[in-house]
Amino acid sequence: MPLLPDCNSDNGQYSKADDIRVTEDRPQGGLVDKLHRIAKVESVHRKYRVLVVDDSIVPRTAARAMLASASALRFVGEASSGSEAIGAMERLKPDLVLMDVHMPVMDGPTTVKVVLARFPETKIVAWTVSDSSDDLLRMMQAGCAGYVLKDVGPTELQHALLAALRSESPVPRRMIPEVLRRVSESVPLSQAASVALTSREMQVLRGVAKGHTTKRLAKDLGLRSPSIESHLRNIFKKLGASNRGEAVSAALRAGVISLSDL
């Protein structure tokens, strides 16, 4: 998919002359500090804007209802087609799009590519009844940040969307083995020795392959979440990946992990 920007403070080192000079400007410094505090509070209480795209009104209505109770997500609009979605992107500037896979004229993968070409910072999550590995691969290859089935409840949907915003690539647990099997078979295996992961990085990678979140990994391994994120960054760098899904796929192709690790 890392995450909210934080405000960096000055290092606090200054000379006595600087101290005398700053005294006169103290109200301005106080204002800057106040603005920093406000920015931090707004980051904590921010609601991410969500656009729902589906050619059927039923799932659009369901998604709207399920997002109503979300403390960090806000439904801002809906679209019934790919072309309508592009117009909605311009008007609503959503942080995240919940996108159907099978739509007439412009299907999900096509719409995802068009949207990301114009709004590359947007996270898009597939929203579908299809548990076909073909559909999942098509959507993820188009640039989706995750894949969610329409039979999930409000809590599961909200968790998946927040995971996508953290670049955790949420996908249905039951679909992972088949998808990874296809990915591993699509590219010849390279030598595992070319990728040197530490024992801790291997533990994190295996957890990621099982679909575990950062919070779950931290609990299982007895680490803090920032430590897990640090290990993930190292794993991504060593495997040439930019997110969890790519890391697992690369590890499978390199023979670092196998389907038995899932």
Protein backbone atom coordinates (compact mmCIF):
# COMPACT_ATOMS: atom_id res chain seq x y z
CA MET A 1 0.00 0.00 0.00
CA PRO A 2 2.50 4.18 5.72
CA LEU A 3 0.94 6.65 6.57
CA LEU A 4 -0.23 9.83 7.96
CA PRO A 5 2.37 12.60 7.73
CA ASP A 6 3.75 13.78 11.04
CA CYS A 7 5.01 17.21 11.93
CA ASN A 8 8.76 17.39 12.53
CA SER A 9 9.90 19.82 15.17
CA ASP A 10 13.08 21.91 15.12
CA ASN A 11 16.12 20.45 16.83
CA GLY A 12 16.00 23.19 19.47
CA GLN A 13 19.66 24.21 19.06
CA TYR A 14 20.31 27.93 18.93
CA SER A 15 22.86 30.45 20.22
CA LYS A 16 22.35 33.02 22.95
CA ALA A 17 22.13 35.72 20.29
CA ASP A 18 19.42 33.74 18.59
CA ASP A 19 17.59 33.55 21.92
CA ILE A 20 17.57 37.31 22.27
CA ARG A 21 16.39 37.75 18.70
CA VAL A 22 13.63 35.16 19.01
CA THR A 23 12.15 36.80 22.12
CA GLU A 24 10.68 39.56 19.99
CA ASP A 25 9.09 37.04 17.61
CA ARG A 26 7.69 34.72 20.28
CA PRO A 27 4.01 35.29 19.38
CA GLN A 28 4.72 34.13 15.83
CA GLY A 29 6.54 31.04 17.11
CA GLY A 30 3.60 30.31 19.37
CA LEU A 31 1.27 30.51 16.40
CA VAL A 32 3.41 28.05 14.43
CA ASP A 33 3.39 25.62 17.36
CA LYS A 34 -0.37 25.98 17.65
CA LEU A 35 -0.82 25.28 13.94
CA HIS A 36 1.35 22.17 14.27
CA ARG A 37 -0.82 20.94 17.13
CA ILE A 38 -3.97 21.61 15.13
CA ALA A 39 -2.54 19.73 12.13
CA LYS A 40 -1.80 16.72 14.34
CA VAL A 41 -5.32 16.74 15.80
CA GLU A 42 -6.84 17.01 12.32
CA SER A 43 -4.71 14.04 11.17
CA VAL A 44 -6.00 11.92 14.05
CA HIS A 45 -9.64 12.85 13.40
CA ARG A 46 -9.48 12.91 9.62
CA LYS A 47 -12.15 11.05 7.70
CA TYR A 48 -11.03 9.55 4.40
CA ARG A 49 -13.37 10.30 1.53
CA VAL A 50 -14.86 7.23 -0.19
CA LEU A 51 -16.50 7.04 -3.63
CA VAL A 52 -18.52 3.91 -4.52
CA VAL A 53 -18.69 2.80 -8.17
CA ASP A 54 -21.16 0.07 -9.16
CA ASP A 55 -23.70 -0.29 -11.97
CA SER A 56 -26.28 -1.65 -9.50
CA ILE A 57 -27.97 0.56 -6.92
CA VAL A 58 -28.24 -2.24 -4.34
CA PRO A 59 -24.50 -2.57 -3.56
CA ARG A 60 -24.08 1.21 -3.71
CA THR A 61 -26.78 1.59 -1.08
CA ALA A 62 -25.31 -1.24 1.00
CA ALA A 63 -21.83 0.30 0.92
CA ARG A 64 -23.23 3.66 1.94
CA ALA A 65 -25.01 2.09 4.92
CA MET A 66 -21.94 0.12 5.97
CA LEU A 67 -19.74 3.22 5.89
CA ALA A 68 -22.18 5.26 7.96
CA SER A 69 -20.76 3.94 11.23
CA ALA A 70 -17.09 4.30 10.23
CA SER A 71 -15.15 6.76 12.36
CA ALA A 72 -12.33 7.20 9.84
CA LEU A 73 -14.24 6.86 6.55
CA ARG A 74 -16.86 9.08 4.94
CA PHE A 75 -19.09 8.21 1.99
CA VAL A 76 -18.94 11.21 -0.36
CA GLY A 77 -20.67 9.97 -3.49
CA GLU A 78 -21.47 7.21 -5.94
CA ALA A 79 -21.24 6.47 -9.65
CA SER A 80 -23.06 3.90 -11.78
CA SER A 81 -20.45 3.54 -14.53
CA GLY A 82 -16.78 3.96 -15.30
CA SER A 83 -17.28 7.20 -17.22
CA GLU A 84 -19.46 8.59 -14.43
CA ALA A 85 -16.77 7.63 -11.94
CA ILE A 86 -14.18 9.74 -13.74
CA GLY A 87 -16.43 12.79 -13.52
CA ALA A 88 -17.08 12.08 -9.85
CA MET A 89 -13.34 11.90 -9.22
CA GLU A 90 -12.95 15.42 -10.56
CA ARG A 91 -15.74 16.80 -8.37
CA LEU A 92 -15.34 14.84 -5.14
CA LYS A 93 -11.59 14.21 -4.90
CA PRO A 94 -11.97 10.94 -2.92
CA ASP A 95 -9.07 9.32 -1.09
CA LEU A 96 -10.42 5.86 -1.85
CA VAL A 97 -12.70 4.30 -4.47
CA LEU A 98 -14.74 1.13 -3.96
CA MET A 99 -14.98 -0.27 -7.50
CA ASP A 100 -17.14 -3.02 -9.01
CA VAL A 101 -15.38 -5.44 -11.36
CA HIS A 102 -18.07 -6.24 -13.93
CA MET A 103 -19.67 -3.12 -15.40
CA PRO A 104 -20.97 -2.45 -18.95
CA VAL A 105 -18.97 -0.36 -21.45
CA MET A 106 -16.02 0.41 -19.12
CA ASP A 107 -15.36 -2.57 -16.86
CA GLY A 108 -13.56 -2.41 -13.53
CA PRO A 109 -9.96 -2.97 -14.72
CA THR A 110 -10.32 -0.40 -17.52
CA THR A 111 -11.80 2.18 -15.16
CA VAL A 112 -9.08 1.54 -12.58
CA LYS A 113 -6.35 2.22 -15.15
CA VAL A 114 -8.00 5.44 -16.35
CA VAL A 115 -8.61 6.73 -12.83
CA LEU A 116 -5.07 5.98 -11.62
CA ALA A 117 -3.56 7.58 -14.72
CA ARG A 118 -5.25 10.85 -13.73
CA PHE A 119 -5.32 10.45 -9.95
CA PRO A 120 -2.30 8.28 -9.07
CA GLU A 121 -2.51 8.94 -5.31
CA THR A 122 -6.01 7.46 -5.05
CA LYS A 123 -6.44 4.02 -3.51
CA ILE A 124 -8.89 1.76 -5.36
CA VAL A 125 -10.38 -1.38 -3.83
CA ALA A 126 -12.29 -3.92 -5.92
CA TRP A 127 -15.83 -4.52 -4.60
CA THR A 128 -17.40 -7.61 -6.11
CA VAL A 129 -19.34 -10.86 -5.72
CA SER A 130 -16.71 -12.67 -7.79
CA ASP A 131 -14.20 -14.90 -6.01
CA SER A 132 -12.54 -15.76 -9.32
CA SER A 133 -8.76 -15.56 -9.24
CA ASP A 134 -8.93 -14.24 -12.82
CA ASP A 135 -10.92 -11.21 -11.68
CA LEU A 136 -8.67 -10.61 -8.69
CA LEU A 137 -5.52 -10.74 -10.81
CA ARG A 138 -7.01 -8.45 -13.47
CA MET A 139 -7.99 -5.85 -10.89
CA MET A 140 -4.71 -6.01 -9.00
CA GLN A 141 -2.70 -5.84 -12.22
CA ALA A 142 -4.72 -2.76 -13.19
CA GLY A 143 -3.56 -1.10 -9.98
CA CYS A 144 -6.09 -1.95 -7.27
CA ALA A 145 -4.92 -1.66 -3.68
CA GLY A 146 -7.18 -4.46 -2.49
CA TYR A 147 -10.05 -6.83 -3.28
CA VAL A 148 -13.20 -7.18 -1.14
CA LEU A 149 -16.16 -9.51 -1.61
CA LYS A 150 -19.67 -8.10 -1.25
CA ASP A 151 -20.66 -10.69 1.35
CA VAL A 152 -18.56 -9.00 4.06
CA GLY A 153 -20.14 -7.12 6.94
CA PRO A 154 -19.64 -3.45 7.86
CA THR A 155 -16.71 -4.09 10.20
CA GLU A 156 -14.86 -6.27 7.68
CA LEU A 157 -15.42 -3.73 4.91
CA GLN A 158 -14.16 -0.86 7.04
CA HIS A 159 -11.09 -2.83 8.14
CA ALA A 160 -10.30 -3.74 4.51
CA LEU A 161 -10.56 -0.14 3.33
CA LEU A 162 -8.35 1.15 6.13
CA ALA A 163 -5.85 -1.63 5.38
CA ALA A 164 -5.77 -0.52 1.73
CA LEU A 165 -5.06 3.05 2.85
CA ARG A 166 -2.10 1.62 4.78
CA SER A 167 -0.96 -0.19 1.60
CA GLU A 168 -1.62 -3.61 3.15
CA SER A 169 -3.31 -5.03 0.00
CA PRO A 170 -6.35 -6.70 1.62
CA VAL A 171 -7.70 -9.73 -0.26
CA PRO A 172 -10.07 -12.52 0.85
CA ARG A 173 -8.13 -15.11 2.83
CA ARG A 174 -9.69 -18.02 0.94
CA MET A 175 -8.50 -16.66 -2.41
CA ILE A 176 -4.83 -16.23 -1.51
CA PRO A 177 -3.54 -19.80 -2.15
CA GLU A 178 -5.01 -20.05 -5.67
CA VAL A 179 -3.88 -16.58 -6.68
CA LEU A 180 -0.35 -17.06 -5.38
CA ARG A 181 -0.15 -20.49 -7.01
CA ARG A 182 -0.95 -18.90 -10.37
CA VAL A 183 1.52 -16.09 -9.80
CA SER A 184 4.29 -18.48 -8.80
CA GLU A 185 3.69 -20.60 -11.91
CA SER A 186 3.64 -17.63 -14.27
CA VAL A 187 7.35 -16.79 -13.90
CA PRO A 188 10.28 -19.24 -13.74
CA LEU A 189 11.81 -19.55 -10.28
CA SER A 190 15.13 -17.85 -9.64
CA GLN A 191 17.67 -18.92 -7.05
CA ALA A 192 16.52 -18.41 -3.46
CA ALA A 193 20.10 -17.65 -2.42
CA SER A 194 19.93 -14.36 -4.32
CA VAL A 195 17.54 -12.97 -1.69
CA ALA A 196 18.97 -12.89 1.83
CA LEU A 197 16.27 -12.24 4.42
CA THR A 198 16.95 -12.34 8.15
CA SER A 199 15.07 -14.84 10.32
CA ARG A 200 12.85 -12.04 11.64
CA GLU A 201 12.13 -10.80 8.12
CA MET A 202 11.15 -14.35 7.16
CA GLN A 203 8.71 -14.46 10.09
CA VAL A 204 7.16 -11.19 8.97
CA LEU A 205 7.03 -12.31 5.33
CA ARG A 206 5.27 -15.58 6.22
CA GLY A 207 2.75 -13.63 8.26
CA VAL A 208 2.14 -11.27 5.35
CA ALA A 209 1.64 -14.26 3.04
CA LYS A 210 -1.08 -15.46 5.41
CA GLY A 211 -2.81 -12.09 5.11
CA HIS A 212 -1.98 -10.85 8.61
CA THR A 213 -2.18 -7.13 9.35
CA THR A 214 0.59 -5.08 10.94
CA LYS A 215 -1.28 -5.19 14.26
CA ARG A 216 -1.60 -8.98 14.10
CA LEU A 217 2.06 -9.41 13.15
CA ALA A 218 3.15 -7.20 16.04
CA LYS A 219 1.06 -9.23 18.48
CA ASP A 220 2.23 -12.61 17.16
CA LEU A 221 5.92 -11.66 17.12
CA GLY A 222 5.96 -9.62 20.32
CA LEU A 223 7.05 -6.46 18.51
CA ARG A 224 5.75 -2.91 18.16
CA SER A 225 4.01 -1.87 14.95
CA PRO A 226 6.83 0.53 13.90
CA SER A 227 9.26 -2.40 14.10
CA ILE A 228 7.03 -4.45 11.81
CA GLU A 229 6.87 -1.55 9.34
CA SER A 230 10.67 -1.29 9.43
CA HIS A 231 11.03 -5.01 8.66
CA LEU A 232 8.51 -4.66 5.83
CA ARG A 233 10.49 -1.81 4.27
CA ASN A 234 13.62 -3.98 4.35
CA ILE A 235 11.72 -6.90 2.82
CA PHE A 236 10.31 -4.71 0.05
CA LYS A 237 13.79 -3.36 -0.75
CA LYS A 238 15.38 -6.81 -0.90
CA LEU A 239 12.59 -8.26 -3.05
CA GLY A 240 12.20 -5.21 -5.29
CA ALA A 241 8.58 -4.81 -4.21
CA SER A 242 6.47 -1.75 -3.41
CA ASN A 243 3.70 -3.41 -1.40
CA ARG A 244 2.83 -6.61 0.44
CA GLY A 245 1.24 -8.38 -2.50
CA GLU A 246 4.27 -7.76 -4.71
CA ALA A 247 6.59 -8.90 -1.92
CA VAL A 248 4.78 -12.23 -1.48
CA SER A 249 4.65 -12.79 -5.24
CA ALA A 250 8.36 -12.02 -5.60
CA ALA A 251 9.20 -14.30 -2.67
CA LEU A 252 7.25 -17.15 -4.25
CA ARG A 253 8.96 -16.66 -7.60
CA ALA A 254 12.36 -16.57 -5.91
CA GLY A 255 11.64 -19.69 -3.90
CA VAL A 256 12.06 -17.80 -0.62
CA ILE A 257 8.66 -19.08 0.53
CA SER A 258 6.36 -21.78 -0.82
CA LEU A 259 2.63 -22.43 -0.86
CA SER A 260 3.10 -24.49 2.31
CA ASP A 261 3.89 -21.22 4.10
CA LEU A 262 0.37 -19.94 3.48
